Protein backbone atom coordinates (compact mmCIF):
# COMPACT_ATOMS: atom_id res chain seq x y z
CA MET A 1 -38.75 22.27 18.90
CA ASP A 2 -36.62 25.05 20.30
CA ASN A 3 -38.55 26.44 23.21
CA ALA A 4 -35.60 27.65 25.30
CA ASP A 5 -37.16 31.03 25.98
CA SER A 6 -40.67 29.74 26.66
CA ALA A 7 -42.38 30.94 29.78
CA GLY A 8 -43.14 27.32 30.68
CA ALA A 9 -39.49 26.26 30.69
CA SER A 10 -38.42 29.24 32.76
CA LEU A 11 -41.28 28.95 35.25
CA LEU A 12 -40.82 25.22 35.69
CA ARG A 13 -37.10 25.68 36.28
CA ARG A 14 -37.82 28.37 38.91
CA TRP A 15 -40.52 26.27 40.57
CA ILE A 16 -38.21 23.27 40.95
CA ASP A 17 -35.33 25.46 42.16
CA GLY A 18 -37.63 27.04 44.76
CA LYS A 19 -38.61 23.70 46.28
CA GLN A 20 -36.13 22.73 49.00
CA GLY A 21 -34.94 19.17 48.39
CA TYR A 22 -37.10 18.79 45.28
CA THR A 23 -35.38 17.77 42.07
CA GLN A 24 -36.17 17.16 38.44
CA ALA A 25 -35.99 13.45 39.23
CA THR A 26 -38.57 13.87 42.01
CA LEU A 27 -40.93 15.70 39.67
CA ALA A 28 -40.42 13.03 37.01
CA GLU A 29 -41.29 10.33 39.52
CA ASP A 30 -44.36 12.27 40.73
CA LEU A 31 -45.63 12.60 37.16
CA ASN A 32 -44.55 9.13 36.01
CA VAL A 33 -42.33 10.47 33.22
CA SER A 34 -38.61 10.11 32.64
CA ALA A 35 -36.10 12.43 34.26
CA GLY A 36 -34.88 13.09 30.72
CA MET A 37 -38.31 14.46 29.79
CA ILE A 38 -38.25 16.90 32.70
CA SER A 39 -34.71 17.92 31.76
CA HIS A 40 -35.85 18.59 28.20
CA LEU A 41 -38.77 20.66 29.48
CA VAL A 42 -36.75 22.89 31.80
CA THR A 43 -34.08 23.50 29.16
CA GLY A 44 -36.64 24.22 26.46
CA ARG A 45 -35.63 21.31 24.25
CA ALA A 46 -39.15 19.89 24.45
CA ARG A 47 -42.67 21.07 25.04
CA PRO A 48 -45.10 18.93 27.04
CA SER A 49 -48.13 17.28 25.57
CA THR A 50 -51.39 18.92 26.58
CA GLY A 51 -51.94 16.14 29.10
CA LEU A 52 -48.53 16.58 30.68
CA ALA A 53 -48.97 20.37 30.71
CA CYS A 54 -52.22 19.84 32.64
CA LEU A 55 -50.42 17.59 35.13
CA LEU A 56 -47.65 20.17 35.52
CA GLN A 57 -50.21 22.88 36.20
CA ALA A 58 -51.87 20.75 38.86
CA ARG A 59 -48.57 19.62 40.45
CA THR A 60 -47.16 23.16 40.61
CA GLY A 61 -50.39 24.55 42.02
CA GLY A 62 -50.74 26.82 39.01
CA ALA A 63 -47.22 28.23 39.16
CA VAL A 64 -46.74 26.76 35.68
CA MET A 65 -49.93 27.04 33.64
CA VAL A 66 -50.85 25.04 30.56
CA THR A 67 -50.86 28.29 28.59
CA ASP A 68 -47.25 29.03 29.58
CA TRP A 69 -46.18 26.40 27.05
CA LEU A 70 -48.35 27.65 24.19
CA ASP A 71 -47.89 30.26 21.52
CA GLU A 72 -50.45 33.07 21.36
CA HIS A 73 -52.79 31.27 18.95
CA GLU A 74 -52.70 28.01 20.91
CA ALA A 75 -53.27 29.86 24.19
CA CYS A 76 -56.35 31.53 22.73
CA GLU A 77 -57.73 28.16 21.59
CA TYR A 78 -57.01 26.64 24.99
CA THR A 79 -58.78 29.49 26.77
CA VAL A 80 -61.87 29.04 24.62
CA MET A 81 -61.86 25.27 25.19
CA SER A 82 -61.37 25.59 28.94
CA ARG A 83 -64.37 27.91 29.12
CA LEU A 84 -66.43 25.25 27.35
CA VAL A 85 -65.27 22.22 29.34
CA GLY A 86 -63.72 23.65 32.51
CA PRO A 87 -60.14 24.31 33.62
CA ALA A 88 -57.40 21.70 33.26
CA ASP A 89 -56.91 21.38 37.01
CA GLY A 90 -60.56 20.57 37.67
């Protein structure tokens, strides 16, 4: 999937860059995923699973939201579901 211009990729890149001494490798370790996965996310070569998107939202304190990775239709579905079951970050 080519997601290079996704809001999620851009926001995650900015969030990591804004954290002094924090790296893609640190985030990968925090989330128990490979550094390669984080690299793919920030460059837009991959999109996270819903579960990983939820973890990213929680880890970034909402700076990168689950919906930032979704297209308009998916974001609408997610919004409806989160109203039914509660937000991804608890």
